[in-house]
Amino acid sequence: MGMFDDPAGYAKDTAIQVAINRFYSDIGAVSGLTIDRKARRISAKLTLSGDALPIDVVIDKWEYGDAMNPNRIRVLSLTTSRKWLSAIAIRWLVNRWFNIPADHMGKVKLALD
């Protein structure tokens, strides 16, 4: 899906990519970030500082907290083009709840929905 198929989604994707790259510029850079909001799928290329080859990253499904704990999010599936990095992601990121400050949760949902 591109800019002309979903201009609002494309604008959100671009804004998210810019924000990530500003915040994590000392670690690396994200390119080609796309979010399929209906399928809850994010794909991007991550180039880490000092590495020549980018890493393909796919988050395939996430969910928000429930009425009891609304300010959190959980990644249900994450894979990368590097086996060792996928193993780390599965161990430390997948199926773990991440608490989001209440004043930022609306922004997260706006970006991802």
C-alpha atoms as a PDB file:
ATOM      1  CA  MET A   1       0.000   0.000   0.000  1.00  0.00           C
ATOM      2  CA  GLY A   2       1.425   3.363  -0.945  1.00  0.00           C
ATOM      3  CA  MET A   3       0.871   7.050  -0.564  1.00  0.00           C
ATOM      4  CA  PHE A   4      -1.938   7.214  -3.135  1.00  0.00           C
ATOM      5  CA  ASP A   5      -3.804   4.163  -1.770  1.00  0.00           C
ATOM      6  CA  ASP A   6      -4.015   5.544   1.781  1.00  0.00           C
ATOM      7  CA  PRO A   7      -2.661   9.101   2.063  1.00  0.00           C
ATOM      8  CA  ALA A   8      -3.525   9.418   5.778  1.00  0.00           C
ATOM      9  CA  GLY A   9      -1.828   6.102   6.603  1.00  0.00           C
ATOM     10  CA  TYR A  10       1.211   7.049   4.534  1.00  0.00           C
ATOM     11  CA  ALA A  11       1.474  10.382   6.376  1.00  0.00           C
ATOM     12  CA  LYS A  12       1.252   8.607   9.739  1.00  0.00           C
ATOM     13  CA  ASP A  13       3.886   6.046   8.691  1.00  0.00           C
ATOM     14  CA  THR A  14       6.235   8.814   7.570  1.00  0.00           C
ATOM     15  CA  ALA A  15       5.738  10.788  10.797  1.00  0.00           C
ATOM     16  CA  ILE A  16       6.407   7.672  12.898  1.00  0.00           C
ATOM     17  CA  GLN A  17       9.549   6.874  10.910  1.00  0.00           C
ATOM     18  CA  VAL A  18      10.844  10.448  11.351  1.00  0.00           C
ATOM     19  CA  ALA A  19      10.142  10.338  15.103  1.00  0.00           C
ATOM     20  CA  ILE A  20      11.881   6.975  15.529  1.00  0.00           C
ATOM     21  CA  ASN A  21      14.902   8.151  13.573  1.00  0.00           C
ATOM     22  CA  ARG A  22      15.193  11.346  15.629  1.00  0.00           C
ATOM     23  CA  PHE A  23      14.904   9.528  18.941  1.00  0.00           C
ATOM     24  CA  TYR A  24      17.242   6.634  18.094  1.00  0.00           C
ATOM     25  CA  SER A  25      19.706   8.362  15.739  1.00  0.00           C
ATOM     26  CA  ASP A  26      22.673   7.163  17.811  1.00  0.00           C
ATOM     27  CA  ILE A  27      21.573   3.516  17.381  1.00  0.00           C
ATOM     28  CA  GLY A  28      20.601   3.423  13.725  1.00  0.00           C
ATOM     29  CA  ALA A  29      17.888   4.352  11.260  1.00  0.00           C
ATOM     30  CA  VAL A  30      14.568   2.954  10.085  1.00  0.00           C
ATOM     31  CA  SER A  31      13.539   3.093   6.429  1.00  0.00           C
ATOM     32  CA  GLY A  32      10.604   1.815   4.438  1.00  0.00           C
ATOM     33  CA  LEU A  33       8.296   1.739   7.463  1.00  0.00           C
ATOM     34  CA  THR A  34       4.778   0.657   6.515  1.00  0.00           C
ATOM     35  CA  ILE A  35       1.863  -0.160   8.752  1.00  0.00           C
ATOM     36  CA  ASP A  36      -1.051  -2.272   7.585  1.00  0.00           C
ATOM     37  CA  ARG A  37      -3.522  -1.103  10.196  1.00  0.00           C
ATOM     38  CA  LYS A  38      -6.274  -3.570   9.315  1.00  0.00           C
ATOM     39  CA  ALA A  39      -3.958  -6.581   9.577  1.00  0.00           C
ATOM     40  CA  ARG A  40      -1.989  -5.003  12.460  1.00  0.00           C
ATOM     41  CA  ARG A  41       1.291  -5.571  10.645  1.00  0.00           C
ATOM     42  CA  ILE A  42       4.354  -3.325  10.629  1.00  0.00           C
ATOM     43  CA  SER A  43       7.324  -3.833   8.340  1.00  0.00           C
ATOM     44  CA  ALA A  44      10.529  -1.822   8.088  1.00  0.00           C
ATOM     45  CA  LYS A  45      14.228  -1.954   7.383  1.00  0.00           C
ATOM     46  CA  LEU A  46      16.533  -1.214  10.296  1.00  0.00           C
ATOM     47  CA  THR A  47      20.109  -0.169   9.672  1.00  0.00           C
ATOM     48  CA  LEU A  48      22.134  -0.250  12.876  1.00  0.00           C
ATOM     49  CA  SER A  49      25.032   2.145  13.317  1.00  0.00           C
ATOM     50  CA  GLY A  50      28.206   0.435  12.146  1.00  0.00           C
ATOM     51  CA  ASP A  51      26.381  -2.258  10.124  1.00  0.00           C
ATOM     52  CA  ALA A  52      26.353  -2.092   6.340  1.00  0.00           C
ATOM     53  CA  LEU A  53      23.360  -4.356   5.707  1.00  0.00           C
ATOM     54  CA  PRO A  54      19.841  -3.459   6.850  1.00  0.00           C
ATOM     55  CA  ILE A  55      17.704  -5.839   8.887  1.00  0.00           C
ATOM     56  CA  ASP A  56      14.158  -6.599   7.773  1.00  0.00           C
ATOM     57  CA  VAL A  57      11.789  -6.332  10.737  1.00  0.00           C
ATOM     58  CA  VAL A  58       8.160  -7.465  10.759  1.00  0.00           C
ATOM     59  CA  ILE A  59       5.775  -7.044  13.655  1.00  0.00           C
ATOM     60  CA  ASP A  60       2.853  -9.238  12.773  1.00  0.00           C
ATOM     61  CA  LYS A  61       0.036  -8.509  15.191  1.00  0.00           C
ATOM     62  CA  TRP A  62      -0.233  -6.518  18.372  1.00  0.00           C
ATOM     63  CA  GLU A  63      -2.988  -5.921  20.881  1.00  0.00           C
ATOM     64  CA  TYR A  64      -3.940  -3.260  23.365  1.00  0.00           C
ATOM     65  CA  GLY A  65      -4.761  -3.734  27.023  1.00  0.00           C
ATOM     66  CA  ASP A  66      -8.278  -4.316  28.281  1.00  0.00           C
ATOM     67  CA  ALA A  67     -10.636  -2.186  30.392  1.00  0.00           C
ATOM     68  CA  MET A  68      -8.758  -3.138  33.561  1.00  0.00           C
ATOM     69  CA  ASN A  69      -5.340  -2.201  32.076  1.00  0.00           C
ATOM     70  CA  PRO A  70      -5.986   0.055  29.056  1.00  0.00           C
ATOM     71  CA  ASN A  71      -2.596   1.774  28.835  1.00  0.00           C
ATOM     72  CA  ARG A  72      -0.501  -1.039  27.526  1.00  0.00           C
ATOM     73  CA  ILE A  73       0.357  -2.847  24.313  1.00  0.00           C
ATOM     74  CA  ARG A  74       1.682  -6.302  23.470  1.00  0.00           C
ATOM     75  CA  VAL A  75       3.478  -7.524  20.348  1.00  0.00           C
ATOM     76  CA  LEU A  76       2.197 -10.982  19.400  1.00  0.00           C
ATOM     77  CA  SER A  77       4.702 -11.811  16.664  1.00  0.00           C
ATOM     78  CA  LEU A  78       8.015 -10.290  15.605  1.00  0.00           C
ATOM     79  CA  THR A  79      10.528 -11.622  13.115  1.00  0.00           C
ATOM     80  CA  THR A  80      13.681 -10.260  11.551  1.00  0.00           C
ATOM     81  CA  SER A  81      15.960 -11.244   8.710  1.00  0.00           C
ATOM     82  CA  ARG A  82      18.600 -12.210  11.271  1.00  0.00           C
ATOM     83  CA  LYS A  83      17.912 -15.421  13.151  1.00  0.00           C
ATOM     84  CA  TRP A  84      19.758 -14.362  16.316  1.00  0.00           C
ATOM     85  CA  LEU A  85      17.855 -11.072  16.491  1.00  0.00           C
ATOM     86  CA  SER A  86      14.525 -12.862  16.020  1.00  0.00           C
ATOM     87  CA  ALA A  87      15.462 -15.178  18.907  1.00  0.00           C
ATOM     88  CA  ILE A  88      16.179 -12.170  21.143  1.00  0.00           C
ATOM     89  CA  ALA A  89      12.889 -10.551  20.119  1.00  0.00           C
ATOM     90  CA  ILE A  90      10.936 -13.700  20.909  1.00  0.00           C
ATOM     91  CA  ARG A  91      12.633 -14.004  24.278  1.00  0.00           C
ATOM     92  CA  TRP A  92      12.383 -10.355  25.390  1.00  0.00           C
ATOM     93  CA  LEU A  93       9.630  -8.626  23.414  1.00  0.00           C
ATOM     94  CA  VAL A  94       6.979 -10.983  22.068  1.00  0.00           C
ATOM     95  CA  ASN A  95       3.965 -11.632  24.314  1.00  0.00           C
ATOM     96  CA  ARG A  96       5.133  -9.158  26.972  1.00  0.00           C
ATOM     97  CA  TRP A  97       2.986  -6.247  27.985  1.00  0.00           C
ATOM     98  CA  PHE A  98       4.519  -2.792  27.694  1.00  0.00           C
ATOM     99  CA  ASN A  99       2.967  -0.082  29.823  1.00  0.00           C
ATOM    100  CA  ILE A 100       2.425   3.209  28.034  1.00  0.00           C
ATOM    101  CA  PRO A 101       2.002   6.440  30.017  1.00  0.00           C
ATOM    102  CA  ALA A 102      -1.679   7.370  29.930  1.00  0.00           C
ATOM    103  CA  ASP A 103      -0.963  10.733  28.270  1.00  0.00           C
ATOM    104  CA  HIS A 104       0.771   8.917  25.376  1.00  0.00           C
ATOM    105  CA  MET A 105      -1.594   5.993  24.847  1.00  0.00           C
ATOM    106  CA  GLY A 106      -3.934   8.046  22.680  1.00  0.00           C
ATOM    107  CA  LYS A 107      -1.009   8.992  20.427  1.00  0.00           C
ATOM    108  CA  VAL A 108       0.023   5.346  20.120  1.00  0.00           C
ATOM    109  CA  LYS A 109      -3.497   4.329  19.104  1.00  0.00           C
ATOM    110  CA  LEU A 110      -3.767   7.252  16.692  1.00  0.00           C
ATOM    111  CA  ALA A 111      -0.523   6.159  15.022  1.00  0.00           C
ATOM    112  CA  LEU A 112      -1.366   2.459  14.866  1.00  0.00           C
ATOM    113  CA  ASP A 113      -5.101   2.519  14.126  1.00  0.00           C
END
